[in-house]
Amino acid sequence: MKKILSLMLPLFIFQNGSAQIFKAKDGGTQISFFSQAPLENIEALNKSAIIVLNSTNNDIQIRVTIQNFKFKNSLMEEHFNENYMESHKFPSSIFKGKINEPIDYNKDGENKVTVSGKMEMHGVTRDITINGTLTKNGSEIAIASKFKIKVADYNIKVPNMYIKNIAEEVEVSINSILEPFQKK
């Protein structure tokens, strides 16, 4: 994780060096997805995403390792990784974007935000805009969002025999607590 974080942070460094970088606390992130389908609901949870926020320019990046999604059923997890997400070929999903609204990071409180950027998943990159909240509380920032992704938009193929098992849209939820980045 330190290696990946060290690769992401240079993207946020500015000439004046005054950028305030926040990163997800260890164990402080949950990304889940839910697919409601006629035969069976599918849900999974990932607690190891890397999230970095630059409060100087509102840039945000999220990197999710696909194999870290955990299912209640091991066979679902196997099918998800091997047949649908092909995590051996596409190990990560990456979002790079910007919070559109100005945020006063010196003031505690909740802010409704929209975030626009590029989502790369399953070898496809698409422009997306999602709604969420950013809540400043002391030195920590909580981010939360719930949005839908169309499986077909990312060339995720569903075999005909499973078409009733998997919804065309999957609901994704992100909840994370960020803290100031401290170089160790």
Protein backbone atom coordinates (compact mmCIF):
# COMPACT_ATOMS: atom_id res chain seq x y z
CA MET A 1 0.00 0.00 0.00
CA LYS A 2 2.84 2.41 0.83
CA LYS A 3 4.27 1.88 -2.65
CA ILE A 4 0.94 2.69 -4.34
CA LEU A 5 0.39 5.71 -2.08
CA SER A 6 3.88 7.00 -2.84
CA LEU A 7 3.10 6.70 -6.57
CA MET A 8 -0.19 8.62 -6.21
CA LEU A 9 1.06 11.46 -3.99
CA PRO A 10 3.45 13.10 -6.48
CA LEU A 11 0.42 13.91 -8.61
CA PHE A 12 -0.68 16.25 -5.81
CA ILE A 13 2.60 18.06 -5.12
CA PHE A 14 2.62 21.75 -5.99
CA GLN A 15 5.47 24.14 -6.57
CA ASN A 16 4.72 26.15 -3.43
CA GLY A 17 4.55 22.98 -1.32
CA SER A 18 1.49 24.19 0.62
CA ALA A 19 -0.89 21.42 -0.44
CA GLN A 20 -2.78 19.66 2.36
CA ILE A 21 -3.08 15.98 1.52
CA PHE A 22 -5.59 13.69 3.20
CA LYS A 23 -5.59 9.91 2.87
CA ALA A 24 -7.98 7.20 3.95
CA LYS A 25 -7.34 5.99 7.48
CA ASP A 26 -6.20 2.39 7.76
CA GLY A 27 -9.41 0.38 7.98
CA GLY A 28 -11.47 3.56 7.56
CA THR A 29 -12.87 2.86 4.10
CA GLN A 30 -15.75 0.73 2.93
CA ILE A 31 -16.70 0.41 -0.71
CA SER A 32 -19.61 -1.89 -1.40
CA PHE A 33 -21.80 -2.78 -4.29
CA PHE A 34 -25.29 -4.19 -4.49
CA SER A 35 -27.00 -5.80 -7.45
CA GLN A 36 -30.71 -6.52 -7.12
CA ALA A 37 -31.88 -9.19 -9.52
CA PRO A 38 -34.97 -11.41 -9.77
CA LEU A 39 -33.25 -14.64 -8.74
CA GLU A 40 -30.61 -13.46 -6.26
CA ASN A 41 -29.24 -10.24 -4.81
CA ILE A 42 -25.49 -9.88 -5.01
CA GLU A 43 -23.46 -7.76 -2.63
CA ALA A 44 -19.80 -7.40 -1.77
CA LEU A 45 -17.60 -5.27 0.47
CA ASN A 46 -14.07 -3.95 0.03
CA LYS A 47 -12.29 -2.41 3.05
CA SER A 48 -8.92 -1.69 1.49
CA ALA A 49 -9.35 1.08 -1.08
CA ILE A 50 -6.75 3.81 -1.27
CA ILE A 51 -8.23 7.32 -1.27
CA VAL A 52 -6.22 10.53 -1.51
CA LEU A 53 -7.65 14.06 -1.41
CA ASN A 54 -5.77 17.31 -2.08
CA SER A 55 -7.61 20.08 -0.23
CA THR A 56 -5.76 22.80 -2.14
CA ASN A 57 -7.35 22.00 -5.50
CA ASN A 58 -10.09 19.48 -4.56
CA ASP A 59 -8.47 16.65 -6.56
CA ILE A 60 -9.42 13.18 -5.38
CA GLN A 61 -8.19 9.74 -6.41
CA ILE A 62 -9.53 6.34 -5.45
CA ARG A 63 -7.87 3.01 -6.22
CA VAL A 64 -9.75 -0.21 -5.54
CA THR A 65 -8.16 -3.65 -5.84
CA ILE A 66 -10.88 -5.80 -7.39
CA GLN A 67 -9.87 -9.06 -5.67
CA ASN A 68 -10.40 -7.40 -2.27
CA PHE A 69 -14.19 -7.45 -2.69
CA LYS A 70 -15.55 -10.07 -0.30
CA PHE A 71 -18.83 -11.91 -0.81
CA LYS A 72 -20.90 -14.03 1.56
CA ASN A 73 -20.66 -16.85 -0.99
CA SER A 74 -17.19 -17.95 -2.15
CA LEU A 75 -18.55 -19.18 -5.49
CA MET A 76 -19.96 -15.70 -6.21
CA GLU A 77 -16.56 -14.22 -5.38
CA GLU A 78 -14.84 -16.66 -7.73
CA HIS A 79 -17.26 -15.91 -10.60
CA PHE A 80 -16.96 -12.16 -9.98
CA ASN A 81 -13.16 -12.26 -10.25
CA GLU A 82 -12.76 -14.85 -13.01
CA ASN A 83 -15.79 -14.42 -15.26
CA TYR A 84 -17.03 -10.85 -14.90
CA MET A 85 -14.29 -8.50 -13.67
CA GLU A 86 -11.40 -10.63 -14.98
CA SER A 87 -9.31 -9.35 -12.10
CA HIS A 88 -6.25 -11.24 -13.37
CA LYS A 89 -6.28 -8.89 -16.42
CA PHE A 90 -7.80 -5.80 -14.74
CA PRO A 91 -6.64 -5.87 -11.10
CA SER A 92 -7.78 -2.37 -10.12
CA SER A 93 -10.45 0.22 -10.64
CA ILE A 94 -9.25 3.83 -10.49
CA PHE A 95 -11.18 7.06 -10.19
CA LYS A 96 -9.44 10.42 -10.74
CA GLY A 97 -11.60 13.47 -10.28
CA LYS A 98 -12.28 16.84 -8.76
CA ILE A 99 -14.81 18.10 -6.25
CA ASN A 100 -16.73 20.77 -8.14
CA GLU A 101 -17.84 22.94 -5.20
CA PRO A 102 -15.51 25.17 -3.18
CA ILE A 103 -14.92 23.71 0.30
CA ASP A 104 -13.66 25.62 3.35
CA TYR A 105 -11.42 22.96 4.89
CA ASN A 106 -10.78 25.23 7.89
CA LYS A 107 -14.43 24.98 8.97
CA ASP A 108 -16.21 21.92 10.38
CA GLY A 109 -19.48 20.89 8.78
CA GLU A 110 -21.21 18.88 6.08
CA ASN A 111 -20.98 19.84 2.42
CA LYS A 112 -23.10 18.41 -0.39
CA VAL A 113 -20.76 17.90 -3.33
CA THR A 114 -20.56 16.65 -6.88
CA VAL A 115 -17.38 15.00 -8.07
CA SER A 116 -16.52 14.79 -11.76
CA GLY A 117 -13.77 12.70 -13.23
CA LYS A 118 -12.72 9.56 -15.02
CA MET A 119 -13.52 6.05 -13.83
CA GLU A 120 -11.33 3.30 -15.18
CA MET A 121 -12.70 -0.19 -14.69
CA HIS A 122 -12.36 -3.47 -16.60
CA GLY A 123 -10.13 -1.76 -19.18
CA VAL A 124 -12.66 1.01 -19.96
CA THR A 125 -12.36 4.66 -18.95
CA ARG A 126 -15.51 6.80 -18.76
CA ASP A 127 -16.36 10.31 -17.60
CA ILE A 128 -18.70 10.24 -14.61
CA THR A 129 -20.16 12.69 -12.11
CA ILE A 130 -21.35 11.48 -8.74
CA ASN A 131 -23.09 13.13 -5.79
CA GLY A 132 -21.91 12.82 -2.23
CA THR A 133 -21.15 14.49 1.06
CA LEU A 134 -17.88 15.70 2.50
CA THR A 135 -17.96 16.31 6.25
CA LYS A 136 -15.09 18.05 8.02
CA ASN A 137 -14.77 17.25 11.72
CA GLY A 138 -11.58 18.47 13.37
CA SER A 139 -8.62 17.09 11.44
CA GLU A 140 -10.67 14.35 9.77
CA ILE A 141 -12.80 14.38 6.63
CA ALA A 142 -15.60 11.88 6.07
CA ILE A 143 -16.70 11.24 2.50
CA ALA A 144 -19.81 9.35 1.46
CA SER A 145 -21.46 8.64 -1.87
CA LYS A 146 -23.96 6.27 -3.41
CA PHE A 147 -24.25 5.98 -7.18
CA LYS A 148 -25.11 3.51 -9.93
CA ILE A 149 -22.90 2.00 -12.60
CA LYS A 150 -24.18 0.30 -15.74
CA VAL A 151 -22.33 -3.00 -16.15
CA ALA A 152 -22.43 -2.73 -19.96
CA ASP A 153 -20.72 0.70 -19.86
CA TYR A 154 -17.53 -1.07 -18.73
CA ASN A 155 -17.73 -4.05 -21.12
CA ILE A 156 -18.53 -6.45 -18.29
CA LYS A 157 -20.15 -9.38 -20.06
CA VAL A 158 -22.87 -11.43 -18.43
CA PRO A 159 -23.40 -14.88 -19.95
CA ASN A 160 -26.97 -15.43 -21.19
CA MET A 161 -27.59 -18.19 -18.66
CA TYR A 162 -26.92 -15.71 -15.81
CA ILE A 163 -28.71 -12.67 -17.26
CA LYS A 164 -31.47 -12.92 -14.63
CA ASN A 165 -28.93 -13.20 -11.81
CA ILE A 166 -27.19 -9.89 -12.39
CA ALA A 167 -28.80 -6.47 -12.68
CA GLU A 168 -27.91 -4.11 -15.52
CA GLU A 169 -27.06 -1.43 -12.95
CA VAL A 170 -25.06 -1.96 -9.78
CA GLU A 171 -25.35 0.41 -6.80
CA VAL A 172 -21.96 1.44 -5.39
CA SER A 173 -21.52 2.97 -1.93
CA ILE A 174 -18.37 4.67 -0.65
CA ASN A 175 -17.79 5.62 2.97
CA SER A 176 -14.37 6.71 4.16
CA ILE A 177 -12.65 8.67 6.89
CA LEU A 178 -9.62 10.62 5.68
CA GLU A 179 -6.86 12.02 7.85
CA PRO A 180 -3.95 14.37 7.12
CA PHE A 181 -1.16 12.52 5.38
CA GLN A 182 1.95 12.26 7.51
CA LYS A 183 5.17 11.12 5.84
CA LYS A 184 6.67 8.31 7.93
